[in-house]
Amino acid sequence: MMAYEFYCRNGTGEIYLVGILPERRKNPERITQKSIMNFGKMLIGDNAGPENIYFIQVAFDDHTGEMHLTNASSMT
């Protein structure tokens, strides 16, 4: 299963994990960096500003539950 770890930078520059959201879309053509960031904005809210939000794409092994890093976005 694919998921996204969303991180946010606060006013002092500290970065913290906000949450992990699973990818549920079946059509990979609908999955873009912009759509993922919109997903994160729903979680974090518009107050954070897009320059302070980023995500890391991870995969969970369905059998073991282990998490594996697949790629990372840059701050946008």
Protein backbone atom coordinates (compact mmCIF):
# COMPACT_ATOMS: atom_id res chain seq x y z
CA MET A 1 0.00 0.00 0.00
CA MET A 2 1.26 3.50 -0.87
CA ALA A 3 1.00 6.36 1.62
CA TYR A 4 2.34 9.87 2.14
CA GLU A 5 4.02 11.23 5.26
CA PHE A 6 3.26 14.95 5.44
CA TYR A 7 5.64 17.33 7.18
CA CYS A 8 5.26 21.00 7.98
CA ARG A 9 7.75 23.70 8.93
CA ASN A 10 6.56 26.02 11.70
CA GLY A 11 7.39 29.72 12.20
CA THR A 12 10.69 28.93 13.91
CA GLY A 13 11.85 26.61 11.11
CA GLU A 14 11.30 23.36 12.98
CA ILE A 15 9.96 20.51 10.85
CA TYR A 16 7.42 18.09 12.29
CA LEU A 17 5.36 15.14 11.09
CA VAL A 18 1.72 16.13 10.66
CA GLY A 19 0.26 12.82 9.56
CA ILE A 20 0.32 9.85 7.23
CA LEU A 21 -2.37 9.53 4.57
CA PRO A 22 -2.92 6.40 2.47
CA GLU A 23 -3.22 6.60 -1.31
CA ARG A 24 -6.62 5.27 -2.29
CA ARG A 25 -6.88 6.30 -5.94
CA LYS A 26 -6.84 3.37 -8.36
CA ASN A 27 -6.03 5.41 -11.49
CA PRO A 28 -2.30 6.36 -11.42
CA GLU A 29 -2.88 9.11 -14.02
CA ARG A 30 -4.75 11.09 -11.35
CA ILE A 31 -1.80 10.99 -8.95
CA THR A 32 0.38 14.07 -9.41
CA GLN A 33 2.59 16.06 -7.07
CA LYS A 34 -0.02 18.84 -7.12
CA SER A 35 -2.87 16.45 -6.21
CA ILE A 36 -0.80 14.97 -3.38
CA MET A 37 -0.01 18.46 -2.04
CA ASN A 38 -3.73 19.32 -2.18
CA PHE A 39 -4.30 16.18 -0.15
CA GLY A 40 -1.80 17.45 2.43
CA LYS A 41 -3.35 20.92 2.53
CA MET A 42 -6.65 19.32 3.52
CA LEU A 43 -4.83 17.65 6.41
CA ILE A 44 -2.75 20.65 7.49
CA GLY A 45 -5.00 23.53 6.46
CA ASP A 46 -4.29 26.59 4.37
CA ASN A 47 -2.60 28.45 7.23
CA ALA A 48 0.70 26.59 6.78
CA GLY A 49 1.39 27.90 3.27
CA PRO A 50 2.60 25.64 0.47
CA GLU A 51 6.25 26.67 0.99
CA ASN A 52 6.16 25.04 4.43
CA ILE A 53 4.66 21.67 3.47
CA TYR A 54 6.34 18.62 1.97
CA PHE A 55 5.73 14.90 1.80
CA ILE A 56 7.60 11.65 1.57
CA GLN A 57 6.04 8.80 -0.36
CA VAL A 58 6.26 5.48 1.46
CA ALA A 59 5.12 1.93 0.80
CA PHE A 60 3.80 -0.46 3.40
CA ASP A 61 4.31 -4.19 2.94
CA ASP A 62 0.86 -5.74 3.23
CA HIS A 63 2.25 -8.91 4.80
CA THR A 64 4.83 -7.60 7.28
CA GLY A 65 3.61 -4.04 7.88
CA GLU A 66 7.12 -2.73 7.24
CA MET A 67 7.44 0.75 5.76
CA HIS A 68 9.81 1.55 2.88
CA LEU A 69 10.77 4.96 1.51
CA THR A 70 9.91 5.28 -2.19
CA ASN A 71 10.71 8.95 -2.96
CA ALA A 72 10.62 12.42 -1.48
CA SER A 73 9.25 15.70 -2.73
CA SER A 74 10.95 19.00 -2.35
CA MET A 75 9.40 21.86 -0.48
CA THR A 76 7.03 23.62 -2.85
